[in-house]
Amino acid sequence: MQLEVRIKMNDKLFLRNPEESVLGKKIVKQGLILINKLGFEDFTFKKLATQVNTTEASIYRYFGNKHKLLVYLITWYWSFLEYKVVFSINNMNEPEQKLKTIIKLICEEPFNDNSTTDFISEFEGYKLVIWEGSKAYLTRNVSKDNKDRLFKPYKDLCERFSSIIKEYNPKYKFPHSLASTVLEMSHSQKFFKQNLPALTDFPKEADDKKMIQFLESLLFSSILVK
């Protein structure tokens, strides 16, 4: 599913809105690709400046540091994913169907749209979340960042997920914990499948069908507990 969506980003993530200039869009698009290629630890604004044919100083006019760029990219992805969820379940009535749709959306690798967008690629964003997602909040500044509402899109997605869990079983006591666990597990299992296959039961699977079955089994067996 390809969607043209304009997402309003938290202005505390940037010094200058990158969507408002050609250079800003190039910094974000190529920054995402370069982080995925090099890894966040080896990624630098100096390397990005070379990639987009500009100066480090120009990049620092948009983002105060590379962590803010990382959170910007991951936040965009969570916002986009929530939009896809809302779009996909809008006409569904059965909570079971909604939950299965959400699991499919969070598990399946998106279409590679990198060559068709001049801004953030959903495909590259998906890869980033798998490899670097937890680094957005596993920092000593997490409380301040949370106060600045930098993680609101992720929490909004979990809230929507948990509300449907409650819709399925109003008596279930742990909807938020289950929602966030399934979301995190969907990406950790994909990471394990690709890099630490002994930690999964589907290391040689070409698609995500078995992983989806596993998460559905985990989700519904948990929800049905009284």
C-alpha atoms as a PDB file:
ATOM      1  CA  MET A   1       0.000   0.000   0.000  1.00  0.00           C
ATOM      2  CA  GLN A   2       1.474   3.352  -1.061  1.00  0.00           C
ATOM      3  CA  LEU A   3       0.141   6.434   0.676  1.00  0.00           C
ATOM      4  CA  GLU A   4       0.929  10.086   0.216  1.00  0.00           C
ATOM      5  CA  VAL A   5       0.817  11.436   3.761  1.00  0.00           C
ATOM      6  CA  ARG A   6       1.961  14.709   5.287  1.00  0.00           C
ATOM      7  CA  ILE A   7       2.924  14.112   8.908  1.00  0.00           C
ATOM      8  CA  LYS A   8       3.245  16.991  11.339  1.00  0.00           C
ATOM      9  CA  MET A   9       6.446  16.484  13.300  1.00  0.00           C
ATOM     10  CA  ASN A  10       7.230  17.696  16.813  1.00  0.00           C
ATOM     11  CA  ASP A  11       9.177  20.949  16.386  1.00  0.00           C
ATOM     12  CA  LYS A  12      11.457  20.027  19.296  1.00  0.00           C
ATOM     13  CA  LEU A  13      13.054  17.428  17.018  1.00  0.00           C
ATOM     14  CA  PHE A  14      14.624  19.973  14.706  1.00  0.00           C
ATOM     15  CA  LEU A  15      16.065  23.479  14.620  1.00  0.00           C
ATOM     16  CA  ARG A  16      14.721  24.141  11.142  1.00  0.00           C
ATOM     17  CA  ASN A  17      11.928  22.143   9.535  1.00  0.00           C
ATOM     18  CA  PRO A  18      13.622  19.936   6.909  1.00  0.00           C
ATOM     19  CA  GLU A  19      10.398  19.592   4.921  1.00  0.00           C
ATOM     20  CA  GLU A  20      10.533  23.263   4.004  1.00  0.00           C
ATOM     21  CA  SER A  21      13.613  23.111   1.781  1.00  0.00           C
ATOM     22  CA  VAL A  22      15.184  20.912  -0.863  1.00  0.00           C
ATOM     23  CA  LEU A  23      18.365  20.572   1.208  1.00  0.00           C
ATOM     24  CA  GLY A  24      16.394  19.640   4.320  1.00  0.00           C
ATOM     25  CA  LYS A  25      14.594  16.848   2.483  1.00  0.00           C
ATOM     26  CA  LYS A  26      17.899  15.582   1.083  1.00  0.00           C
ATOM     27  CA  ILE A  27      19.444  15.569   4.570  1.00  0.00           C
ATOM     28  CA  VAL A  28      16.583  13.503   5.954  1.00  0.00           C
ATOM     29  CA  LYS A  29      16.318  11.085   3.020  1.00  0.00           C
ATOM     30  CA  GLN A  30      20.044  10.468   2.652  1.00  0.00           C
ATOM     31  CA  GLY A  31      20.573  10.484   6.421  1.00  0.00           C
ATOM     32  CA  LEU A  32      18.134   7.606   6.752  1.00  0.00           C
ATOM     33  CA  ILE A  33      19.802   5.641   3.965  1.00  0.00           C
ATOM     34  CA  LEU A  34      23.274   6.281   5.387  1.00  0.00           C
ATOM     35  CA  ILE A  35      22.350   5.254   8.935  1.00  0.00           C
ATOM     36  CA  ASN A  36      20.919   2.016   7.545  1.00  0.00           C
ATOM     37  CA  LYS A  37      24.073   1.447   5.525  1.00  0.00           C
ATOM     38  CA  LEU A  38      26.685   2.296   8.185  1.00  0.00           C
ATOM     39  CA  GLY A  39      24.869   1.777  11.474  1.00  0.00           C
ATOM     40  CA  PHE A  40      24.052   4.585  13.889  1.00  0.00           C
ATOM     41  CA  GLU A  41      27.374   4.358  15.745  1.00  0.00           C
ATOM     42  CA  ASP A  42      29.469   4.892  12.597  1.00  0.00           C
ATOM     43  CA  PHE A  43      27.135   7.481  11.086  1.00  0.00           C
ATOM     44  CA  THR A  44      28.311  11.111  11.337  1.00  0.00           C
ATOM     45  CA  PHE A  45      27.110  14.440  10.009  1.00  0.00           C
ATOM     46  CA  LYS A  46      30.481  14.783   8.279  1.00  0.00           C
ATOM     47  CA  LYS A  47      29.772  11.641   6.245  1.00  0.00           C
ATOM     48  CA  LEU A  48      26.231  12.817   5.553  1.00  0.00           C
ATOM     49  CA  ALA A  49      27.503  16.213   4.401  1.00  0.00           C
ATOM     50  CA  THR A  50      29.708  14.485   1.832  1.00  0.00           C
ATOM     51  CA  GLN A  51      26.763  12.369   0.695  1.00  0.00           C
ATOM     52  CA  VAL A  52      24.478  15.353   0.043  1.00  0.00           C
ATOM     53  CA  ASN A  53      27.245  17.685  -1.165  1.00  0.00           C
ATOM     54  CA  THR A  54      26.908  20.254   1.615  1.00  0.00           C
ATOM     55  CA  THR A  55      28.721  21.214   4.831  1.00  0.00           C
ATOM     56  CA  GLU A  56      28.421  19.849   8.360  1.00  0.00           C
ATOM     57  CA  ALA A  57      27.400  23.329   9.482  1.00  0.00           C
ATOM     58  CA  SER A  58      24.440  23.239   7.092  1.00  0.00           C
ATOM     59  CA  ILE A  59      23.211  19.977   8.619  1.00  0.00           C
ATOM     60  CA  TYR A  60      23.569  21.344  12.160  1.00  0.00           C
ATOM     61  CA  ARG A  61      21.219  24.171  11.159  1.00  0.00           C
ATOM     62  CA  TYR A  62      18.496  21.519  10.858  1.00  0.00           C
ATOM     63  CA  PHE A  63      19.383  19.052  13.642  1.00  0.00           C
ATOM     64  CA  GLY A  64      21.290  19.712  16.852  1.00  0.00           C
ATOM     65  CA  ASN A  65      22.856  16.251  16.867  1.00  0.00           C
ATOM     66  CA  LYS A  66      22.563  12.886  15.175  1.00  0.00           C
ATOM     67  CA  HIS A  67      20.361  11.461  17.931  1.00  0.00           C
ATOM     68  CA  LYS A  68      17.695  14.074  17.177  1.00  0.00           C
ATOM     69  CA  LEU A  69      17.835  13.042  13.529  1.00  0.00           C
ATOM     70  CA  LEU A  70      17.444   9.400  14.559  1.00  0.00           C
ATOM     71  CA  VAL A  71      14.416  10.155  16.741  1.00  0.00           C
ATOM     72  CA  TYR A  72      12.948  12.303  13.957  1.00  0.00           C
ATOM     73  CA  LEU A  73      13.182   9.402  11.496  1.00  0.00           C
ATOM     74  CA  ILE A  74      11.826   6.786  13.885  1.00  0.00           C
ATOM     75  CA  THR A  75       9.023   9.087  15.037  1.00  0.00           C
ATOM     76  CA  TRP A  76       8.038   9.660  11.424  1.00  0.00           C
ATOM     77  CA  TYR A  77       7.858   5.920  10.860  1.00  0.00           C
ATOM     78  CA  TRP A  78       5.622   5.310  13.904  1.00  0.00           C
ATOM     79  CA  SER A  79       3.323   8.137  12.820  1.00  0.00           C
ATOM     80  CA  PHE A  80       3.111   6.722   9.321  1.00  0.00           C
ATOM     81  CA  LEU A  81       2.445   3.219  10.649  1.00  0.00           C
ATOM     82  CA  GLU A  82      -0.398   4.470  12.826  1.00  0.00           C
ATOM     83  CA  TYR A  83      -1.894   6.181   9.784  1.00  0.00           C
ATOM     84  CA  LYS A  84      -1.709   2.884   7.874  1.00  0.00           C
ATOM     85  CA  VAL A  85      -3.406   1.106  10.766  1.00  0.00           C
ATOM     86  CA  VAL A  86      -6.252   3.642  10.897  1.00  0.00           C
ATOM     87  CA  PHE A  87      -6.628   3.571   7.126  1.00  0.00           C
ATOM     88  CA  SER A  88      -6.679  -0.238   7.006  1.00  0.00           C
ATOM     89  CA  ILE A  89      -9.106  -0.962   9.856  1.00  0.00           C
ATOM     90  CA  ASN A  90     -11.453   1.963   9.236  1.00  0.00           C
ATOM     91  CA  ASN A  91     -14.246  -0.149   7.734  1.00  0.00           C
ATOM     92  CA  MET A  92     -13.746  -3.219   9.916  1.00  0.00           C
ATOM     93  CA  ASN A  93     -16.221  -4.122  12.638  1.00  0.00           C
ATOM     94  CA  GLU A  94     -14.729  -7.247  14.205  1.00  0.00           C
ATOM     95  CA  PRO A  95     -11.894  -6.608  16.695  1.00  0.00           C
ATOM     96  CA  GLU A  96     -10.275  -9.947  15.801  1.00  0.00           C
ATOM     97  CA  GLN A  97      -9.946  -8.842  12.186  1.00  0.00           C
ATOM     98  CA  LYS A  98      -8.550  -5.487  13.304  1.00  0.00           C
ATOM     99  CA  LEU A  99      -5.930  -7.127  15.524  1.00  0.00           C
ATOM    100  CA  LYS A 100      -4.821  -9.519  12.793  1.00  0.00           C
ATOM    101  CA  THR A 101      -4.522  -6.602  10.392  1.00  0.00           C
ATOM    102  CA  ILE A 102      -2.351  -4.664  12.838  1.00  0.00           C
ATOM    103  CA  ILE A 103      -0.024  -7.629  13.326  1.00  0.00           C
ATOM    104  CA  LYS A 104       0.316  -8.029   9.578  1.00  0.00           C
ATOM    105  CA  LEU A 105       1.096  -4.328   9.139  1.00  0.00           C
ATOM    106  CA  ILE A 106       3.787  -4.262  11.819  1.00  0.00           C
ATOM    107  CA  CYS A 107       5.431  -7.469  10.578  1.00  0.00           C
ATOM    108  CA  GLU A 108       5.457  -7.321   6.812  1.00  0.00           C
ATOM    109  CA  GLU A 109       8.301  -5.576   5.052  1.00  0.00           C
ATOM    110  CA  PRO A 110       6.983  -2.582   3.075  1.00  0.00           C
ATOM    111  CA  PHE A 111       7.380  -2.106  -0.645  1.00  0.00           C
ATOM    112  CA  ASN A 112      10.774  -0.603  -1.510  1.00  0.00           C
ATOM    113  CA  ASP A 113       9.701   2.956  -2.308  1.00  0.00           C
ATOM    114  CA  ASN A 114      13.119   4.591  -1.992  1.00  0.00           C
ATOM    115  CA  SER A 115      13.376   5.569  -5.652  1.00  0.00           C
ATOM    116  CA  THR A 116       9.871   7.063  -5.771  1.00  0.00           C
ATOM    117  CA  THR A 117      10.033   9.495  -2.843  1.00  0.00           C
ATOM    118  CA  ASP A 118      12.035  12.673  -2.310  1.00  0.00           C
ATOM    119  CA  PHE A 119      11.667  12.485   1.466  1.00  0.00           C
ATOM    120  CA  ILE A 120      11.429   9.587   3.932  1.00  0.00           C
ATOM    121  CA  SER A 121      11.098   6.082   2.512  1.00  0.00           C
ATOM    122  CA  GLU A 122       8.747   3.794   4.433  1.00  0.00           C
ATOM    123  CA  PHE A 123      10.937   0.847   3.415  1.00  0.00           C
ATOM    124  CA  GLU A 124      14.087   2.488   4.803  1.00  0.00           C
ATOM    125  CA  GLY A 125      12.157   3.572   7.909  1.00  0.00           C
ATOM    126  CA  TYR A 126      11.109  -0.010   8.551  1.00  0.00           C
ATOM    127  CA  LYS A 127      14.729  -1.179   8.341  1.00  0.00           C
ATOM    128  CA  LEU A 128      15.800   1.604  10.690  1.00  0.00           C
ATOM    129  CA  VAL A 129      13.256   0.641  13.348  1.00  0.00           C
ATOM    130  CA  ILE A 130      14.411  -2.989  13.236  1.00  0.00           C
ATOM    131  CA  TRP A 131      18.085  -2.087  13.639  1.00  0.00           C
ATOM    132  CA  GLU A 132      18.069   1.140  15.635  1.00  0.00           C
ATOM    133  CA  GLY A 133      14.563   1.589  17.048  1.00  0.00           C
ATOM    134  CA  SER A 134      15.339   1.081  20.739  1.00  0.00           C
ATOM    135  CA  LYS A 135      18.209   3.589  20.576  1.00  0.00           C
ATOM    136  CA  ALA A 136      15.643   6.365  20.270  1.00  0.00           C
ATOM    137  CA  TYR A 137      14.625   5.988  23.915  1.00  0.00           C
ATOM    138  CA  LEU A 138      17.308   3.866  25.633  1.00  0.00           C
ATOM    139  CA  THR A 139      19.263   6.946  26.644  1.00  0.00           C
ATOM    140  CA  ARG A 140      19.888   8.933  29.823  1.00  0.00           C
ATOM    141  CA  ASN A 141      17.779  11.756  28.365  1.00  0.00           C
ATOM    142  CA  VAL A 142      14.664   9.627  27.992  1.00  0.00           C
ATOM    143  CA  SER A 143      12.709  11.464  30.726  1.00  0.00           C
ATOM    144  CA  LYS A 144      13.366  14.876  29.180  1.00  0.00           C
ATOM    145  CA  ASP A 145      12.624  13.594  25.693  1.00  0.00           C
ATOM    146  CA  ASN A 146       9.400  12.065  26.968  1.00  0.00           C
ATOM    147  CA  LYS A 147       8.453  15.351  28.619  1.00  0.00           C
ATOM    148  CA  ASP A 148       9.004  17.011  25.246  1.00  0.00           C
ATOM    149  CA  ARG A 149       6.551  14.446  23.792  1.00  0.00           C
ATOM    150  CA  LEU A 150       9.091  13.040  21.350  1.00  0.00           C
ATOM    151  CA  PHE A 151       7.697   9.533  21.768  1.00  0.00           C
ATOM    152  CA  LYS A 152       4.035  10.484  21.427  1.00  0.00           C
ATOM    153  CA  PRO A 153       3.549   8.792  18.000  1.00  0.00           C
ATOM    154  CA  TYR A 154       4.820   5.479  19.371  1.00  0.00           C
ATOM    155  CA  LYS A 155       2.616   5.791  22.442  1.00  0.00           C
ATOM    156  CA  ASP A 156      -0.363   6.745  20.257  1.00  0.00           C
ATOM    157  CA  LEU A 157       0.130   3.596  18.185  1.00  0.00           C
ATOM    158  CA  CYS A 158       0.334   1.454  21.327  1.00  0.00           C
ATOM    159  CA  GLU A 159      -2.781   3.152  22.702  1.00  0.00           C
ATOM    160  CA  ARG A 160      -4.725   2.409  19.533  1.00  0.00           C
ATOM    161  CA  PHE A 161      -3.530  -1.207  19.584  1.00  0.00           C
ATOM    162  CA  SER A 162      -4.417  -1.623  23.274  1.00  0.00           C
ATOM    163  CA  SER A 163      -7.880  -0.097  22.782  1.00  0.00           C
ATOM    164  CA  ILE A 164      -8.692  -2.802  20.218  1.00  0.00           C
ATOM    165  CA  ILE A 165      -7.385  -5.456  22.596  1.00  0.00           C
ATOM    166  CA  LYS A 166      -9.859  -4.111  25.162  1.00  0.00           C
ATOM    167  CA  GLU A 167     -12.545  -4.107  22.502  1.00  0.00           C
ATOM    168  CA  TYR A 168     -11.855  -7.809  21.926  1.00  0.00           C
ATOM    169  CA  ASN A 169     -11.840  -8.624  25.651  1.00  0.00           C
ATOM    170  CA  PRO A 170     -12.905  -5.774  27.995  1.00  0.00           C
ATOM    171  CA  LYS A 171     -11.870  -7.862  31.011  1.00  0.00           C
ATOM    172  CA  TYR A 172      -8.250  -8.263  29.919  1.00  0.00           C
ATOM    173  CA  LYS A 173      -6.045  -6.519  32.511  1.00  0.00           C
ATOM    174  CA  PHE A 174      -2.847  -5.761  30.611  1.00  0.00           C
ATOM    175  CA  PRO A 175      -3.706  -4.266  27.197  1.00  0.00           C
ATOM    176  CA  HIS A 176      -0.954  -1.617  27.114  1.00  0.00           C
ATOM    177  CA  SER A 177       1.756  -4.038  28.194  1.00  0.00           C
ATOM    178  CA  LEU A 178       0.649  -6.585  25.625  1.00  0.00           C
ATOM    179  CA  ALA A 179       0.411  -4.023  22.833  1.00  0.00           C
ATOM    180  CA  SER A 180       3.913  -2.637  23.415  1.00  0.00           C
ATOM    181  CA  THR A 181       5.324  -6.163  23.851  1.00  0.00           C
ATOM    182  CA  VAL A 182       3.907  -7.373  20.541  1.00  0.00           C
ATOM    183  CA  LEU A 183       5.139  -4.249  18.755  1.00  0.00           C
ATOM    184  CA  GLU A 184       8.663  -4.622  20.114  1.00  0.00           C
ATOM    185  CA  MET A 185       8.679  -8.369  19.547  1.00  0.00           C
ATOM    186  CA  SER A 186       7.671  -8.007  15.912  1.00  0.00           C
ATOM    187  CA  HIS A 187      10.890  -6.111  15.236  1.00  0.00           C
ATOM    188  CA  SER A 188      13.180  -8.040  17.572  1.00  0.00           C
ATOM    189  CA  GLN A 189      12.085 -11.341  16.017  1.00  0.00           C
ATOM    190  CA  LYS A 190      12.743  -9.947  12.534  1.00  0.00           C
ATOM    191  CA  PHE A 191      16.198  -8.833  13.717  1.00  0.00           C
ATOM    192  CA  PHE A 192      16.883 -12.265  15.218  1.00  0.00           C
ATOM    193  CA  LYS A 193      15.651 -13.974  12.063  1.00  0.00           C
ATOM    194  CA  GLN A 194      18.144 -11.981   9.981  1.00  0.00           C
ATOM    195  CA  ASN A 195      21.098 -11.949  12.378  1.00  0.00           C
ATOM    196  CA  LEU A 196      20.692 -14.382  15.310  1.00  0.00           C
ATOM    197  CA  PRO A 197      18.581 -17.173  13.809  1.00  0.00           C
ATOM    198  CA  ALA A 198      19.019 -19.525  16.781  1.00  0.00           C
ATOM    199  CA  LEU A 199      16.727 -17.188  18.738  1.00  0.00           C
ATOM    200  CA  THR A 200      13.743 -17.787  16.454  1.00  0.00           C
ATOM    201  CA  ASP A 201      11.742 -20.727  15.112  1.00  0.00           C
ATOM    202  CA  PHE A 202      11.656 -19.428  11.547  1.00  0.00           C
ATOM    203  CA  PRO A 203      15.256 -18.626  10.526  1.00  0.00           C
ATOM    204  CA  LYS A 204      14.970 -20.046   7.012  1.00  0.00           C
ATOM    205  CA  GLU A 205      11.553 -18.659   6.145  1.00  0.00           C
ATOM    206  CA  ALA A 206      11.516 -16.458   3.039  1.00  0.00           C
ATOM    207  CA  ASP A 207       8.451 -14.510   4.194  1.00  0.00           C
ATOM    208  CA  ASP A 208       6.897 -13.464   7.498  1.00  0.00           C
ATOM    209  CA  LYS A 209       3.928 -15.863   7.587  1.00  0.00           C
ATOM    210  CA  LYS A 210       5.210 -17.977  10.468  1.00  0.00           C
ATOM    211  CA  MET A 211       6.247 -14.934  12.462  1.00  0.00           C
ATOM    212  CA  ILE A 212       2.750 -13.503  11.988  1.00  0.00           C
ATOM    213  CA  GLN A 213       1.260 -16.817  13.130  1.00  0.00           C
ATOM    214  CA  PHE A 214       3.496 -16.757  16.218  1.00  0.00           C
ATOM    215  CA  LEU A 215       2.476 -13.208  17.171  1.00  0.00           C
ATOM    216  CA  GLU A 216      -1.202 -13.955  16.568  1.00  0.00           C
ATOM    217  CA  SER A 217      -0.897 -17.026  18.784  1.00  0.00           C
ATOM    218  CA  LEU A 218       0.819 -15.008  21.502  1.00  0.00           C
ATOM    219  CA  LEU A 219      -1.679 -12.169  21.291  1.00  0.00           C
ATOM    220  CA  PHE A 220      -4.917 -14.152  21.276  1.00  0.00           C
ATOM    221  CA  SER A 221      -3.835 -16.746  23.822  1.00  0.00           C
ATOM    222  CA  SER A 222      -2.957 -13.873  26.159  1.00  0.00           C
ATOM    223  CA  ILE A 223      -6.170 -11.940  25.578  1.00  0.00           C
ATOM    224  CA  LEU A 224      -8.328 -14.993  26.254  1.00  0.00           C
ATOM    225  CA  VAL A 225      -6.840 -15.401  29.738  1.00  0.00           C
ATOM    226  CA  LYS A 226      -9.488 -14.391  32.293  1.00  0.00           C
END
